[in-house]
């Protein structure tokens, strides 16, 4: 494709139709339509981003927690460099904590073109790859700041189209993982609310903790070498052949029209919320933030049900009190929670904490918890790109639906770190069609063929009298002893039986127990969980 053909393709993006409909309306803003597309598969999320990068005319602003240097990371860098070379202003803001840490790579990206700017948020010791000693020193001197990470996820093109949700920039988030794939969700939105997303981006971009990549100390050393040139490591922009087909269809108008424009929802009520950089100013590891406050208010609007999908269940006292208040207002409200099993989780520490408090979640809070199987029956429907090697699935979406009326999609985990430390973002969409579509997708994930359900163990005469007391003692004893009569277990639906809640009187007639850790009973990983359950409580604020 020559430059003339590329320019014509960019000017004719099908998204122009939605932009014109949304931004050409007049009024006080309350009745303006937005257009929303829910990106449930990594393949669609990838295709949308690549198309929008190529369709960009003025600017591309990306804010993310993780940037890798695998196929996906290389693909995006190559596309952003190409956009910069054709005159688009590209700004990339990354949290370095879990991102690629090669100083030479950062130096190369920083200098590859004047239209591409790279910044890092809150780098330790002002280096991209600090030494262990530097990390220890920083942690001792400023533990809270080191732990306060930028967890925001924003992708904004020409200040008209935005994507927010939970996807970072690595293979795992786009159905191309080698060890796991994340079951994730983004919201692509066209409309005036994107201006608020842009405002949040600028707040972080201009914040004192956001440092130019080229100003990091170890990156500066690379830049000052006599033989340094961005072209010296141009190989970092090379791609694997299996990406080529995706690149071919990224600017195919028929594909984009079918996948995104035709499937967009026209909605009136949309709200974007984001924490300020720096989060709360309390001296402790608690104190909340804007997104936390809005999240607690959002849940209180529920009248009948809350359907949630979250990888972690680490509730602090404020969250527990919030749920108790909701139950006091609506005693029969249903909480459905899609989360990870031990076999699917990517974080054994948060899983261990959730497992430790599972009795409270079930008995006191009446949560119906569904733990994802690593290889669910509907695997092929959940994954948009099929590799020859089938790898396990892991819940990574952060989504909450209330009453089939409103949906929360963002970066916010159901854990203490999101509540109090990490900065977060979220999109709140009040629309029945969007909420029902998202809820329908989650209900597929929690169906019996795809998830185990957590339920109370059937009571054993006499032993059950002592069971609660024994479980309380055992969870504080770091030994590999397992009490067989603990309160909960995971259950599989029996053949020819219908799903019922764990509190249904015939629950045990419909389900059979598969143990608390299906696929991992009596293994080293189970022993790890047992040990962590005894020791994990002190670490809750940073989980």
Protein backbone atom coordinates (compact mmCIF):
# COMPACT_ATOMS: atom_id res chain seq x y z
CA UNK A 1 0.00 0.00 0.00
CA UNK A 2 1.50 3.37 -0.99
CA UNK A 3 1.04 6.55 1.05
CA UNK A 4 -1.80 7.87 -1.16
CA UNK A 5 -3.85 4.68 -0.71
CA UNK A 6 -3.19 4.70 3.04
CA UNK A 7 -4.37 8.30 3.43
CA UNK A 8 -7.58 7.55 1.51
CA UNK A 9 -8.24 4.54 3.73
CA UNK A 10 -7.69 6.54 6.89
CA UNK A 11 -10.08 9.27 5.81
CA UNK A 12 -12.85 6.74 5.16
CA UNK A 13 -12.96 4.88 8.48
CA UNK A 14 -16.51 3.60 9.19
CA UNK A 15 -16.20 5.11 12.68
CA UNK A 16 -16.70 8.54 11.07
CA UNK A 17 -20.40 7.67 10.87
CA UNK A 18 -20.65 7.34 14.66
CA UNK A 19 -18.48 10.40 15.28
CA UNK A 20 -20.73 12.58 13.11
CA UNK A 21 -23.88 11.29 14.80
CA UNK A 22 -22.52 11.83 18.30
CA UNK A 23 -20.62 15.11 18.05
CA UNK A 24 -22.95 16.99 15.68
CA UNK A 25 -25.87 17.03 18.13
CA UNK A 26 -26.89 20.18 19.98
CA UNK A 27 -28.34 20.81 23.45
CA UNK A 28 -27.20 20.96 27.04
CA UNK A 29 -25.33 17.65 26.76
CA UNK A 30 -27.71 15.55 28.84
CA UNK A 31 -29.47 14.11 25.79
CA UNK A 32 -26.40 13.52 23.64
CA UNK A 33 -26.04 10.02 22.26
CA UNK A 34 -22.92 7.98 22.77
CA UNK A 35 -22.09 4.82 20.87
CA UNK A 36 -20.74 1.88 22.83
CA UNK A 37 -19.26 -1.40 21.65
CA UNK A 38 -18.39 -4.10 24.19
CA UNK A 39 -15.11 -5.87 23.38
CA UNK A 40 -15.46 -9.32 24.96
CA UNK A 41 -12.68 -11.10 23.06
CA UNK A 42 -9.02 -10.26 22.73
CA UNK A 43 -9.21 -10.59 18.95
CA UNK A 44 -11.87 -7.87 18.64
CA UNK A 45 -10.06 -5.68 21.17
CA UNK A 46 -6.88 -5.99 19.13
CA UNK A 47 -8.57 -5.39 15.77
CA UNK A 48 -10.35 -2.27 17.08
CA UNK A 49 -7.13 -0.77 18.42
CA UNK A 50 -5.09 -1.46 15.28
CA UNK A 51 -7.82 0.00 13.08
CA UNK A 52 -8.11 3.14 15.22
CA UNK A 53 -4.35 3.67 15.29
CA UNK A 54 -4.32 3.52 11.50
CA UNK A 55 -7.41 5.74 11.28
CA UNK A 56 -6.01 8.41 13.61
CA UNK A 57 -5.65 11.86 12.05
CA UNK A 58 -4.35 14.00 14.92
CA UNK A 59 -3.53 12.18 18.16
CA UNK A 60 -3.22 8.84 19.92
CA UNK A 61 -3.00 8.80 23.73
CA UNK A 62 -2.43 5.52 25.57
CA UNK A 63 -2.28 5.02 29.33
CA UNK A 64 -1.57 1.53 30.66
CA UNK A 65 -0.27 -0.49 33.58
CA UNK A 66 1.71 -3.09 31.56
CA UNK A 67 3.59 -2.88 28.29
CA UNK A 68 5.40 -6.02 27.16
CA UNK A 69 7.89 -6.77 24.41
CA UNK A 70 6.21 -9.89 23.04
CA UNK A 71 4.35 -10.11 19.72
CA UNK A 72 1.56 -7.79 20.86
CA UNK A 73 3.89 -5.22 22.38
CA UNK A 74 5.99 -5.20 19.20
CA UNK A 75 2.91 -4.92 17.02
CA UNK A 76 1.60 -1.87 18.85
CA UNK A 77 4.99 -0.17 18.92
CA UNK A 78 5.40 -0.67 15.18
CA UNK A 79 1.90 0.72 14.53
CA UNK A 80 2.48 3.73 16.79
CA UNK A 81 5.81 4.49 15.13
CA UNK A 82 4.11 4.35 11.71
CA UNK A 83 1.39 6.72 12.97
CA UNK A 84 4.01 9.14 14.32
CA UNK A 85 5.85 9.13 10.98
CA UNK A 86 2.71 10.15 9.11
CA UNK A 87 2.20 13.14 11.43
CA UNK A 88 0.03 11.84 14.29
CA UNK A 89 0.99 13.03 17.79
CA UNK A 90 1.49 9.87 19.87
CA UNK A 91 1.71 9.93 23.65
CA UNK A 92 2.35 6.74 25.63
CA UNK A 93 2.16 6.75 29.46
CA UNK A 94 3.18 3.49 31.17
CA UNK A 95 3.50 2.30 34.74
CA UNK A 96 6.92 0.61 34.88
CA UNK A 97 6.19 -1.76 37.76
CA UNK A 98 5.24 -4.80 35.64
CA UNK A 99 6.33 -3.53 32.21
CA UNK A 100 9.30 -4.32 29.98
CA UNK A 101 12.41 -2.95 31.64
CA UNK A 102 15.14 -2.69 29.01
CA UNK A 103 16.81 0.78 29.12
CA UNK A 104 17.97 0.45 25.53
CA UNK A 105 14.44 -0.33 24.34
CA UNK A 106 13.11 2.75 26.18
CA UNK A 107 15.90 4.88 24.69
CA UNK A 108 15.08 3.65 21.20
CA UNK A 109 11.33 4.25 21.49
CA UNK A 110 11.94 7.68 23.04
CA UNK A 111 14.12 8.78 20.13
CA UNK A 112 12.55 6.93 17.19
CA UNK A 113 10.48 9.97 16.12
CA UNK A 114 9.76 13.45 17.47
CA UNK A 115 5.98 12.85 17.23
CA UNK A 116 6.16 9.93 19.68
CA UNK A 117 6.56 10.75 23.38
CA UNK A 118 7.05 8.10 26.05
CA UNK A 119 6.59 8.70 29.78
CA UNK A 120 6.67 6.46 32.86
CA UNK A 121 4.54 7.00 35.96
CA UNK A 122 6.22 6.83 39.38
CA UNK A 123 9.44 5.00 38.39
CA UNK A 124 11.48 3.62 41.29
CA UNK A 125 14.81 5.41 41.81
CA UNK A 126 14.13 7.27 38.51
CA UNK A 127 15.29 4.22 36.57
CA UNK A 128 13.47 1.83 34.28
CA UNK A 129 15.41 -1.11 35.69
CA UNK A 130 16.39 -0.27 39.28
CA UNK A 131 18.60 -2.61 41.24
CA UNK A 132 17.21 -4.75 44.04
CA UNK A 133 19.03 -2.50 46.51
CA UNK A 134 17.35 0.58 45.01
CA UNK A 135 13.93 -1.03 45.27
CA UNK A 136 14.52 -1.99 48.91
CA UNK A 137 15.74 1.50 49.74
CA UNK A 138 12.76 3.16 48.03
CA UNK A 139 10.34 0.78 49.73
CA UNK A 140 11.76 1.52 53.16
CA UNK A 141 11.84 5.30 52.69
CA UNK A 142 8.50 5.66 50.89
CA UNK A 143 6.55 2.42 51.08
CA UNK A 144 3.17 3.93 50.17
CA UNK A 145 4.37 5.77 47.07
CA UNK A 146 6.20 2.69 45.81
CA UNK A 147 3.00 0.65 46.16
CA UNK A 148 0.71 3.29 44.65
CA UNK A 149 0.66 2.28 40.99
CA UNK A 150 -1.11 3.70 37.94
CA UNK A 151 -3.59 0.96 37.05
CA UNK A 152 -5.52 3.15 34.56
CA UNK A 153 -6.32 1.84 31.07
CA UNK A 154 -7.10 4.47 28.44
CA UNK A 155 -6.79 4.42 24.65
CA UNK A 156 -7.94 7.65 22.99
CA UNK A 157 -7.85 8.58 19.30
CA UNK A 158 -8.36 12.15 18.03
CA UNK A 159 -10.19 12.97 21.30
CA UNK A 160 -13.31 11.41 19.75
CA UNK A 161 -13.03 7.66 20.35
CA UNK A 162 -11.92 5.97 23.56
CA UNK A 163 -11.38 2.46 24.88
CA UNK A 164 -11.26 1.71 28.58
CA UNK A 165 -11.41 -1.50 30.55
CA UNK A 166 -8.77 -3.90 31.77
CA UNK A 167 -6.52 -4.88 28.86
CA UNK A 168 -2.82 -4.15 28.97
CA UNK A 169 -0.40 -4.64 26.06
CA UNK A 170 0.86 -8.22 26.15
CA UNK A 171 -0.08 -11.45 24.36
CA UNK A 172 -2.20 -12.76 27.25
CA UNK A 173 -4.75 -9.94 26.90
CA UNK A 174 -5.43 -10.57 23.21
CA UNK A 175 -5.96 -14.36 23.11
CA UNK A 176 -2.34 -15.05 22.17
CA UNK A 177 -0.85 -16.17 25.48
CA UNK A 178 1.61 -19.05 25.64
CA UNK A 179 0.68 -20.14 29.19
CA UNK A 180 -2.71 -18.47 29.77
CA UNK A 181 -5.28 -16.20 28.14
CA UNK A 182 -7.25 -13.58 30.01
CA UNK A 183 -11.06 -13.55 29.86
CA UNK A 184 -11.27 -9.78 29.64
CA UNK A 185 -13.60 -6.95 28.65
CA UNK A 186 -13.23 -3.42 27.26
CA UNK A 187 -15.74 -0.75 26.31
CA UNK A 188 -15.16 1.19 23.09
CA UNK A 189 -17.02 4.49 23.19
CA UNK A 190 -17.63 7.32 20.75
CA UNK A 191 -18.99 10.60 22.09
CA UNK A 192 -18.50 13.66 24.29
CA UNK A 193 -17.54 11.63 27.39
CA UNK A 194 -14.21 10.96 25.66
CA UNK A 195 -13.30 14.57 26.54
CA UNK A 196 -13.41 13.59 30.23
CA UNK A 197 -11.21 10.60 29.49
CA UNK A 198 -8.80 12.96 27.77
CA UNK A 199 -8.85 15.32 30.76
CA UNK A 200 -7.87 12.47 33.06
CA UNK A 201 -5.07 11.46 30.71
CA UNK A 202 -3.64 14.99 30.76
CA UNK A 203 -3.78 15.09 34.57
CA UNK A 204 -1.53 12.04 34.72
CA UNK A 205 0.65 13.06 31.78
CA UNK A 206 1.47 16.43 33.41
CA UNK A 207 1.77 15.09 36.98
CA UNK A 208 5.08 15.44 38.80
CA UNK A 209 5.55 11.66 39.06
CA UNK A 210 5.31 11.17 35.28
CA UNK A 211 8.85 11.15 33.88
CA UNK A 212 10.01 11.24 30.27
CA UNK A 213 11.49 7.87 29.33
CA UNK A 214 14.63 9.56 28.02
CA UNK A 215 15.14 11.27 31.40
CA UNK A 216 15.37 8.02 33.39
CA UNK A 217 18.93 7.63 34.65
CA UNK A 218 19.75 4.28 33.07
CA UNK A 219 18.06 5.29 29.81
CA UNK A 220 20.09 8.49 29.73
CA UNK A 221 23.26 6.40 29.94
CA UNK A 222 22.21 4.57 26.77
CA UNK A 223 21.40 7.78 24.94
CA UNK A 224 24.78 9.30 25.80
CA UNK A 225 26.75 6.44 24.28
CA UNK A 226 28.57 7.53 21.12
CA UNK A 227 27.29 4.63 19.03
CA UNK A 228 23.64 4.92 20.11
CA UNK A 229 21.04 5.05 17.36
CA UNK A 230 17.37 3.97 17.41
CA UNK A 231 18.05 1.94 14.27
CA UNK A 232 20.55 -0.19 16.21
CA UNK A 233 17.67 -2.10 17.80
CA UNK A 234 15.13 -1.80 15.00
CA UNK A 235 14.68 -5.55 15.33
CA UNK A 236 12.51 -4.85 18.38
CA UNK A 237 9.83 -3.73 15.93
CA UNK A 238 9.83 -6.98 13.94
CA UNK A 239 6.68 -9.10 14.06
CA UNK A 240 5.75 -12.75 13.80
CA UNK A 241 3.94 -13.87 10.64
CA UNK A 242 0.74 -14.86 12.45
CA UNK A 243 -0.10 -11.16 12.97
CA UNK A 244 -0.08 -10.45 9.22
CA UNK A 245 -3.67 -11.55 8.55
CA UNK A 246 -5.00 -9.28 11.27
CA UNK A 247 -3.10 -6.34 9.81
CA UNK A 248 -4.63 -7.00 6.39
CA UNK A 249 -8.21 -6.71 7.64
CA UNK A 250 -7.62 -3.82 10.05
CA UNK A 251 -8.58 -1.26 7.39
CA UNK A 252 -11.18 -3.38 5.59
CA UNK A 253 -14.32 -1.24 5.77
CA UNK A 254 -16.72 -4.18 5.55
CA UNK A 255 -15.06 -5.97 8.48
CA UNK A 256 -15.00 -2.86 10.68
CA UNK A 257 -18.61 -2.05 9.80
CA UNK A 258 -19.74 -5.58 10.64
CA UNK A 259 -17.71 -6.07 13.82
CA UNK A 260 -18.05 -2.66 15.44
CA UNK A 261 -20.37 -0.13 13.79
CA UNK A 262 -23.34 -2.46 13.31
CA UNK A 263 -22.96 -3.86 16.84
CA UNK A 264 -22.69 -0.51 18.62
CA UNK A 265 -25.31 0.50 21.19
CA UNK A 266 -26.70 4.06 21.12
CA UNK A 267 -26.87 5.20 24.77
CA UNK A 268 -27.74 8.45 26.52
CA UNK A 269 -26.35 8.11 30.04
CA UNK A 270 -22.62 7.52 30.29
CA UNK A 271 -20.26 8.55 33.07
CA UNK A 272 -16.47 8.28 33.17
CA UNK A 273 -14.75 8.25 36.57
CA UNK A 274 -11.04 8.29 37.35
CA UNK A 275 -8.80 8.75 40.34
CA UNK A 276 -6.48 11.70 40.54
CA UNK A 277 -2.76 10.94 40.24
CA UNK A 278 -1.32 10.31 43.67
CA UNK A 279 -4.61 8.77 44.92
CA UNK A 280 -5.54 9.36 48.56
CA UNK A 281 -3.34 11.49 50.80
CA UNK A 282 -3.78 9.53 54.02
CA UNK A 283 -0.68 8.44 55.90
CA UNK A 284 -1.85 4.81 55.95
CA UNK A 285 -2.40 2.27 53.18
CA UNK A 286 -6.14 2.97 53.33
CA UNK A 287 -8.30 5.95 52.50
CA UNK A 288 -10.02 5.18 49.22
CA UNK A 289 -10.33 7.51 46.24
CA UNK A 290 -12.78 8.86 43.66
CA UNK A 291 -13.31 5.54 41.86
CA UNK A 292 -13.71 3.69 45.16
CA UNK A 293 -16.38 6.15 46.33
CA UNK A 294 -18.25 5.94 43.01
CA UNK A 295 -18.04 2.15 43.05
CA UNK A 296 -19.65 1.92 46.48
CA UNK A 297 -22.41 4.32 45.40
CA UNK A 298 -22.94 2.41 42.16
CA UNK A 299 -23.60 -0.87 43.98
CA UNK A 300 -26.13 0.80 46.30
CA UNK A 301 -28.38 1.52 43.30
CA UNK A 302 -29.12 -2.18 42.92
CA UNK A 303 -32.63 -3.36 43.75
CA UNK A 304 -32.69 -6.98 42.57
CA UNK A 305 -29.26 -8.21 41.56
CA UNK A 306 -25.55 -7.49 41.21
CA UNK A 307 -23.72 -9.61 38.64
CA UNK A 308 -19.96 -9.22 38.96
CA UNK A 309 -16.89 -10.50 37.18
CA UNK A 310 -13.61 -9.96 38.98
CA UNK A 311 -10.36 -11.94 39.18
CA UNK A 312 -9.93 -11.27 42.89
CA UNK A 313 -12.12 -11.19 46.01
CA UNK A 314 -10.19 -9.28 48.67
CA UNK A 315 -12.74 -7.24 50.61
CA UNK A 316 -11.81 -4.69 53.25
CA UNK A 317 -14.13 -3.68 56.09
CA UNK A 318 -15.52 -0.71 54.17
CA UNK A 319 -16.60 -2.98 51.30
CA UNK A 320 -18.16 -5.47 53.68
CA UNK A 321 -20.13 -2.74 55.43
CA UNK A 322 -21.26 -1.44 52.04
CA UNK A 323 -22.63 -4.87 51.11
CA UNK A 324 -24.33 -5.24 54.48
CA UNK A 325 -26.07 -1.89 53.93
CA UNK A 326 -27.27 -3.06 50.52
CA UNK A 327 -28.65 -6.23 52.09
CA UNK A 328 -30.42 -4.22 54.79
CA UNK A 329 -32.16 -2.18 52.08
CA UNK A 330 -32.91 -5.19 49.85
CA UNK A 331 -32.63 -8.42 51.82
CA UNK A 332 -33.31 -10.69 48.84
CA UNK A 333 -30.85 -9.05 46.45
CA UNK A 334 -28.82 -11.62 44.50
CA UNK A 335 -25.03 -11.40 44.24
CA UNK A 336 -23.58 -13.47 41.37
CA UNK A 337 -19.78 -13.39 41.20
CA UNK A 338 -17.65 -14.82 38.41
CA UNK A 339 -14.06 -15.23 39.56
CA UNK A 340 -11.06 -17.57 39.34
CA UNK A 341 -10.50 -21.04 40.71
CA UNK A 342 -7.09 -22.14 41.92
CA UNK A 343 -6.69 -23.85 38.55
CA UNK A 344 -7.31 -20.64 36.61
CA UNK A 345 -5.97 -17.82 38.80
CA UNK A 346 -2.93 -15.74 37.88
CA UNK A 347 -2.39 -14.63 41.50
CA UNK A 348 -2.15 -17.30 44.16
CA UNK A 349 -1.83 -14.69 46.93
CA UNK A 350 -5.16 -12.99 46.29
CA UNK A 351 -6.79 -16.37 45.68
CA UNK A 352 -5.50 -17.63 49.03
CA UNK A 353 -6.96 -14.61 50.80
CA UNK A 354 -10.33 -15.08 49.10
CA UNK A 355 -10.27 -18.78 49.94
CA UNK A 356 -9.50 -18.00 53.57
CA UNK A 357 -12.58 -15.77 53.81
CA UNK A 358 -14.85 -17.88 51.62
CA UNK A 359 -17.05 -18.88 54.55
CA UNK A 360 -17.74 -15.23 55.32
CA UNK A 361 -18.57 -14.49 51.69
CA UNK A 362 -20.99 -17.40 51.50
CA UNK A 363 -22.50 -17.48 54.99
CA UNK A 364 -22.53 -13.81 55.97
CA UNK A 365 -22.71 -11.99 52.63
CA UNK A 366 -24.66 -14.68 50.74
CA UNK A 367 -22.48 -14.44 47.63
CA UNK A 368 -23.09 -16.98 44.88
CA UNK A 369 -19.50 -17.53 43.73
CA UNK A 370 -18.60 -19.26 40.47
CA UNK A 371 -14.96 -20.22 39.90
CA UNK A 372 -13.82 -20.48 36.28
CA UNK A 373 -12.56 -23.80 34.95
CA UNK A 374 -9.19 -23.43 33.19
CA UNK A 375 -10.52 -25.22 30.09
CA UNK A 376 -14.27 -24.48 30.01
CA UNK A 377 -16.55 -26.25 27.54
CA UNK A 378 -17.27 -22.96 25.75
CA UNK A 379 -13.57 -22.17 25.42
CA UNK A 380 -13.80 -21.63 21.64
CA UNK A 381 -16.60 -19.09 22.09
CA UNK A 382 -14.70 -17.18 24.75
CA UNK A 383 -11.49 -16.89 22.72
CA UNK A 384 -11.47 -14.84 19.52
CA UNK A 385 -8.19 -16.20 18.16
CA UNK A 386 -7.46 -19.93 18.16
CA UNK A 387 -3.82 -20.99 18.42
CA UNK A 388 -2.64 -24.52 17.80
CA UNK A 389 -1.71 -24.74 21.46
CA UNK A 390 -4.69 -24.50 23.81
CA UNK A 391 -3.83 -22.65 27.02
CA UNK A 392 -5.87 -22.12 30.16
CA UNK A 393 -8.29 -19.25 30.71
CA UNK A 394 -8.16 -16.76 33.59
CA UNK A 395 -10.85 -14.24 34.59
CA UNK A 396 -9.40 -10.76 34.24
CA UNK A 397 -12.44 -8.58 33.49
CA UNK A 398 -13.59 -6.01 36.04
CA UNK A 399 -17.30 -5.67 35.38
CA UNK A 400 -20.38 -5.12 37.53
CA UNK A 401 -23.99 -5.15 36.32
CA UNK A 402 -26.87 -3.97 38.47
CA UNK A 403 -30.49 -5.00 37.80
CA UNK A 404 -29.85 -5.46 34.06
CA UNK A 405 -30.01 -1.64 33.98
CA UNK A 406 -26.47 -0.32 34.36
CA UNK A 407 -22.95 -1.66 33.89
CA UNK A 408 -19.57 -0.72 35.30
CA UNK A 409 -16.57 -1.57 33.10
CA UNK A 410 -13.10 -0.55 34.15
CA UNK A 411 -9.75 -1.36 35.68
CA UNK A 412 -11.07 -1.60 39.26
CA UNK A 413 -10.49 -4.94 41.02
CA UNK A 414 -12.57 -6.15 43.96
CA UNK A 415 -9.50 -5.83 46.21
CA UNK A 416 -7.80 -3.55 48.73
CA UNK A 417 -5.14 -2.36 46.29
CA UNK A 418 -7.74 -0.98 43.87
CA UNK A 419 -9.73 0.52 46.72
CA UNK A 420 -6.89 2.38 48.37
CA UNK A 421 -3.60 2.35 46.49
CA UNK A 422 -3.73 2.00 42.71
CA UNK A 423 -5.27 4.74 40.60
CA UNK A 424 -8.19 3.38 38.58
CA UNK A 425 -10.69 4.24 35.85
CA UNK A 426 -14.23 3.12 35.04
CA UNK A 427 -17.05 3.73 32.59
CA UNK A 428 -20.61 3.62 33.95
CA UNK A 429 -23.22 2.95 31.27
CA UNK A 430 -26.89 3.24 32.22
CA UNK A 431 -28.62 1.37 29.44
CA UNK A 432 -30.73 -1.79 29.52
CA UNK A 433 -29.46 -3.14 26.22
CA UNK A 434 -25.79 -2.77 27.14
CA UNK A 435 -26.32 -4.13 30.64
CA UNK A 436 -28.24 -7.15 29.37
CA UNK A 437 -25.62 -7.89 26.73
CA UNK A 438 -22.81 -7.81 29.29
CA UNK A 439 -24.80 -9.81 31.83
CA UNK A 440 -25.59 -12.43 29.20
CA UNK A 441 -21.87 -12.83 28.50
CA UNK A 442 -21.06 -13.24 32.20
CA UNK A 443 -23.89 -15.75 32.67
CA UNK A 444 -22.30 -17.92 29.98
CA UNK A 445 -19.02 -17.79 31.92
CA UNK A 446 -20.68 -18.92 35.16
CA UNK A 447 -22.78 -21.66 33.57
CA UNK A 448 -22.09 -25.22 34.87
CA UNK A 449 -20.07 -26.27 31.82
CA UNK A 450 -17.67 -23.34 32.32
CA UNK A 451 -17.41 -22.77 36.08
CA UNK A 452 -17.61 -24.64 39.35
CA UNK A 453 -20.03 -23.24 41.89
CA UNK A 454 -19.05 -22.66 45.51
CA UNK A 455 -21.48 -24.13 48.02
CA UNK A 456 -21.81 -25.21 51.62
CA UNK A 457 -20.68 -28.71 52.42
CA UNK A 458 -23.37 -31.13 53.47
CA UNK A 459 -23.46 -31.33 57.24
CA UNK A 460 -22.01 -34.41 58.91
CA UNK A 461 -23.73 -35.31 62.21
CA UNK A 462 -21.69 -34.53 65.34
CA UNK A 463 -18.57 -33.57 63.30
CA UNK A 464 -20.33 -30.52 61.86
CA UNK A 465 -20.77 -29.24 65.41
CA UNK A 466 -17.00 -28.88 65.76
CA UNK A 467 -16.25 -28.08 62.10
CA UNK A 468 -16.47 -24.30 62.31
CA UNK A 469 -14.25 -24.22 65.37
CA UNK A 470 -11.65 -26.49 63.73
CA UNK A 471 -11.58 -24.48 60.50
CA UNK A 472 -10.92 -21.27 62.41
CA UNK A 473 -7.95 -22.88 64.14
CA UNK A 474 -6.54 -24.61 61.05
CA UNK A 475 -6.46 -21.50 58.87
CA UNK A 476 -3.94 -19.98 61.27
CA UNK A 477 -1.71 -23.06 61.40
CA UNK A 478 0.89 -23.18 58.58
CA UNK A 479 1.08 -26.94 58.23
CA UNK A 480 -0.09 -29.21 55.44
CA UNK A 481 -2.93 -30.69 57.45
CA UNK A 482 -6.35 -30.60 55.85
CA UNK A 483 -9.57 -30.72 57.85
CA UNK A 484 -12.06 -32.52 55.60
CA UNK A 485 -15.24 -30.87 56.89
CA UNK A 486 -14.71 -27.16 56.21
CA UNK A 487 -17.69 -24.96 55.44
CA UNK A 488 -17.43 -24.69 51.64
CA UNK A 489 -16.37 -26.71 48.64
CA UNK A 490 -16.57 -26.45 44.84
CA UNK A 491 -19.39 -28.31 43.13
CA UNK A 492 -20.09 -29.78 39.71
CA UNK A 493 -23.64 -30.07 38.40
CA UNK A 494 -24.86 -33.66 38.15
CA UNK A 495 -26.04 -35.06 34.84
CA UNK A 496 -29.64 -34.21 33.92
CA UNK A 497 -29.98 -31.83 36.87
CA UNK A 498 -30.83 -28.13 36.74
CA UNK A 499 -28.69 -25.40 38.37
CA UNK A 500 -29.95 -24.15 41.74
CA UNK A 501 -28.43 -21.73 44.30
CA UNK A 502 -26.27 -23.16 47.09
CA UNK A 503 -28.97 -22.24 49.61
CA UNK A 504 -31.64 -24.27 47.79
CA UNK A 505 -32.90 -27.18 49.90
CA UNK A 506 -32.09 -29.68 47.12
CA UNK A 507 -28.65 -28.26 46.26
CA UNK A 508 -26.78 -31.44 47.23
CA UNK A 509 -29.16 -33.54 45.16
CA UNK A 510 -28.25 -31.49 42.10
CA UNK A 511 -24.51 -31.12 42.64
CA UNK A 512 -21.54 -33.26 43.59
CA UNK A 513 -18.53 -31.93 45.47
CA UNK A 514 -15.22 -31.80 43.55
CA UNK A 515 -13.25 -30.49 46.52
CA UNK A 516 -12.16 -26.96 47.42
CA UNK A 517 -9.43 -26.89 44.73
CA UNK A 518 -10.62 -28.80 41.64
CA UNK A 519 -7.74 -30.01 39.46
CA UNK A 520 -5.31 -29.25 42.28
CA UNK A 521 -6.39 -31.41 45.23
CA UNK A 522 -3.48 -32.97 47.12
CA UNK A 523 -0.81 -31.10 45.13
CA UNK A 524 2.04 -28.72 45.93
CA UNK A 525 -0.10 -25.80 44.77
CA UNK A 526 -2.82 -26.73 47.25
CA UNK A 527 -0.22 -26.83 50.02
CA UNK A 528 0.93 -23.35 48.96
CA UNK A 529 -2.62 -22.06 49.37
CA UNK A 530 -2.93 -23.67 52.80
CA UNK A 531 0.31 -22.04 53.97
CA UNK A 532 -0.63 -18.65 52.52
CA UNK A 533 -4.06 -18.77 54.16
CA UNK A 534 -2.32 -18.89 57.51
CA UNK A 535 0.06 -16.02 56.75
CA UNK A 536 -1.72 -13.78 54.24
CA UNK A 537 -3.85 -11.58 56.52
CA UNK A 538 -1.09 -9.04 57.21
CA UNK A 539 -0.61 -8.46 53.47
CA UNK A 540 -4.26 -7.62 52.67
CA UNK A 541 -3.70 -3.83 52.19
CA UNK A 542 -1.32 -4.41 49.26
CA UNK A 543 -3.04 -7.43 47.65
